[in-house]
Amino acid sequence: MKISARNQLKGTVVSIQEGAVNAIVGIKIASGDIVTATVSMSSVKELGLEVGKEAYAIIKATSVMVGVE
């Protein structure tokens, strides 16, 4: 897989919360943290995503915001 995004986090799918159109997919990475992403249900099916399967969280953002009280 060749892509331009440099922030690629390899992990294992630990959850898939299916909705009517989208799903929230949880990927547990090496640090033990879980990264979640909202993807279409068609992508879940096309990628063959299921709990226990290896996957990558690929982050490509022009801005990331952090806030505190």
C-alpha atoms as a PDB file:
ATOM      1  CA  MET A   1       0.000   0.000   0.000  1.00  0.00           C
ATOM      2  CA  LYS A   2       1.530   3.326  -1.078  1.00  0.00           C
ATOM      3  CA  ILE A   3      -0.094   6.529   0.096  1.00  0.00           C
ATOM      4  CA  SER A   4       1.066  10.083   0.746  1.00  0.00           C
ATOM      5  CA  ALA A   5      -0.067  10.247   4.379  1.00  0.00           C
ATOM      6  CA  ARG A   6       2.819   9.726   6.797  1.00  0.00           C
ATOM      7  CA  ASN A   7       0.754   9.148   9.930  1.00  0.00           C
ATOM      8  CA  GLN A   8      -0.007   5.437   9.599  1.00  0.00           C
ATOM      9  CA  LEU A   9      -0.839   3.542  12.776  1.00  0.00           C
ATOM     10  CA  LYS A  10      -0.974  -0.250  12.452  1.00  0.00           C
ATOM     11  CA  GLY A  11      -3.323  -2.054  14.762  1.00  0.00           C
ATOM     12  CA  THR A  12      -6.156  -4.494  15.195  1.00  0.00           C
ATOM     13  CA  VAL A  13      -9.866  -3.827  14.755  1.00  0.00           C
ATOM     14  CA  VAL A  14     -11.459  -4.129  18.198  1.00  0.00           C
ATOM     15  CA  SER A  15     -14.942  -2.780  17.513  1.00  0.00           C
ATOM     16  CA  ILE A  16     -17.354  -1.951  14.716  1.00  0.00           C
ATOM     17  CA  GLN A  17     -20.498  -0.047  15.675  1.00  0.00           C
ATOM     18  CA  GLU A  18     -22.737  -0.300  12.647  1.00  0.00           C
ATOM     19  CA  GLY A  19     -25.313   2.322  11.793  1.00  0.00           C
ATOM     20  CA  ALA A  20     -27.696   2.677   8.855  1.00  0.00           C
ATOM     21  CA  VAL A  21     -25.143   4.465   6.660  1.00  0.00           C
ATOM     22  CA  ASN A  22     -21.864   4.704   8.613  1.00  0.00           C
ATOM     23  CA  ALA A  23     -19.905   2.669  11.133  1.00  0.00           C
ATOM     24  CA  ILE A  24     -17.523   3.687  13.896  1.00  0.00           C
ATOM     25  CA  VAL A  25     -14.461   1.457  13.699  1.00  0.00           C
ATOM     26  CA  GLY A  26     -12.087   1.135  16.668  1.00  0.00           C
ATOM     27  CA  ILE A  27      -8.474   0.139  16.011  1.00  0.00           C
ATOM     28  CA  LYS A  28      -6.184  -0.735  18.926  1.00  0.00           C
ATOM     29  CA  ILE A  29      -2.627   0.400  18.177  1.00  0.00           C
ATOM     30  CA  ALA A  30       0.701  -0.738  19.677  1.00  0.00           C
ATOM     31  CA  SER A  31       0.516   1.718  22.594  1.00  0.00           C
ATOM     32  CA  GLY A  32      -2.780   0.177  23.678  1.00  0.00           C
ATOM     33  CA  ASP A  33      -4.732   3.278  22.688  1.00  0.00           C
ATOM     34  CA  ILE A  34      -7.811   2.904  20.527  1.00  0.00           C
ATOM     35  CA  VAL A  35      -8.189   5.147  17.497  1.00  0.00           C
ATOM     36  CA  THR A  36     -11.705   5.476  16.082  1.00  0.00           C
ATOM     37  CA  ALA A  37     -12.842   6.458  12.627  1.00  0.00           C
ATOM     38  CA  THR A  38     -16.239   6.942  11.048  1.00  0.00           C
ATOM     39  CA  VAL A  39     -16.437   5.165   7.704  1.00  0.00           C
ATOM     40  CA  SER A  40     -19.265   4.250   5.368  1.00  0.00           C
ATOM     41  CA  MET A  41     -20.908   0.845   5.685  1.00  0.00           C
ATOM     42  CA  SER A  42     -19.940   0.175   2.079  1.00  0.00           C
ATOM     43  CA  SER A  43     -16.272   0.723   3.046  1.00  0.00           C
ATOM     44  CA  VAL A  44     -16.620  -1.708   5.954  1.00  0.00           C
ATOM     45  CA  LYS A  45     -17.875  -4.336   3.518  1.00  0.00           C
ATOM     46  CA  GLU A  46     -15.412  -3.490   0.734  1.00  0.00           C
ATOM     47  CA  LEU A  47     -12.416  -3.663   3.104  1.00  0.00           C
ATOM     48  CA  GLY A  48     -13.724  -6.808   4.774  1.00  0.00           C
ATOM     49  CA  LEU A  49     -13.396  -5.195   8.189  1.00  0.00           C
ATOM     50  CA  GLU A  50     -14.143  -7.412  11.162  1.00  0.00           C
ATOM     51  CA  VAL A  51     -13.050  -7.556  14.782  1.00  0.00           C
ATOM     52  CA  GLY A  52      -9.600  -9.147  15.061  1.00  0.00           C
ATOM     53  CA  LYS A  53      -8.443  -8.144  11.576  1.00  0.00           C
ATOM     54  CA  GLU A  54      -5.241  -6.094  11.179  1.00  0.00           C
ATOM     55  CA  ALA A  55      -5.824  -2.605   9.806  1.00  0.00           C
ATOM     56  CA  TYR A  56      -4.203   0.810   9.606  1.00  0.00           C
ATOM     57  CA  ALA A  57      -5.491   4.094  10.987  1.00  0.00           C
ATOM     58  CA  ILE A  58      -4.232   6.597   8.435  1.00  0.00           C
ATOM     59  CA  ILE A  59      -4.370  10.227   9.520  1.00  0.00           C
ATOM     60  CA  LYS A  60      -4.214  12.988   6.929  1.00  0.00           C
ATOM     61  CA  ALA A  61      -5.372  16.309   8.286  1.00  0.00           C
ATOM     62  CA  THR A  62      -4.585  19.888   7.422  1.00  0.00           C
ATOM     63  CA  SER A  63      -5.343  20.927  10.986  1.00  0.00           C
ATOM     64  CA  VAL A  64      -5.714  19.264  14.365  1.00  0.00           C
ATOM     65  CA  MET A  65      -7.373  21.130  17.214  1.00  0.00           C
ATOM     66  CA  VAL A  66      -6.899  20.557  20.941  1.00  0.00           C
ATOM     67  CA  GLY A  67      -8.786  22.409  23.658  1.00  0.00           C
ATOM     68  CA  VAL A  68      -8.923  22.538  27.431  1.00  0.00           C
ATOM     69  CA  GLU A  69     -11.038  24.406  29.967  1.00  0.00           C
END
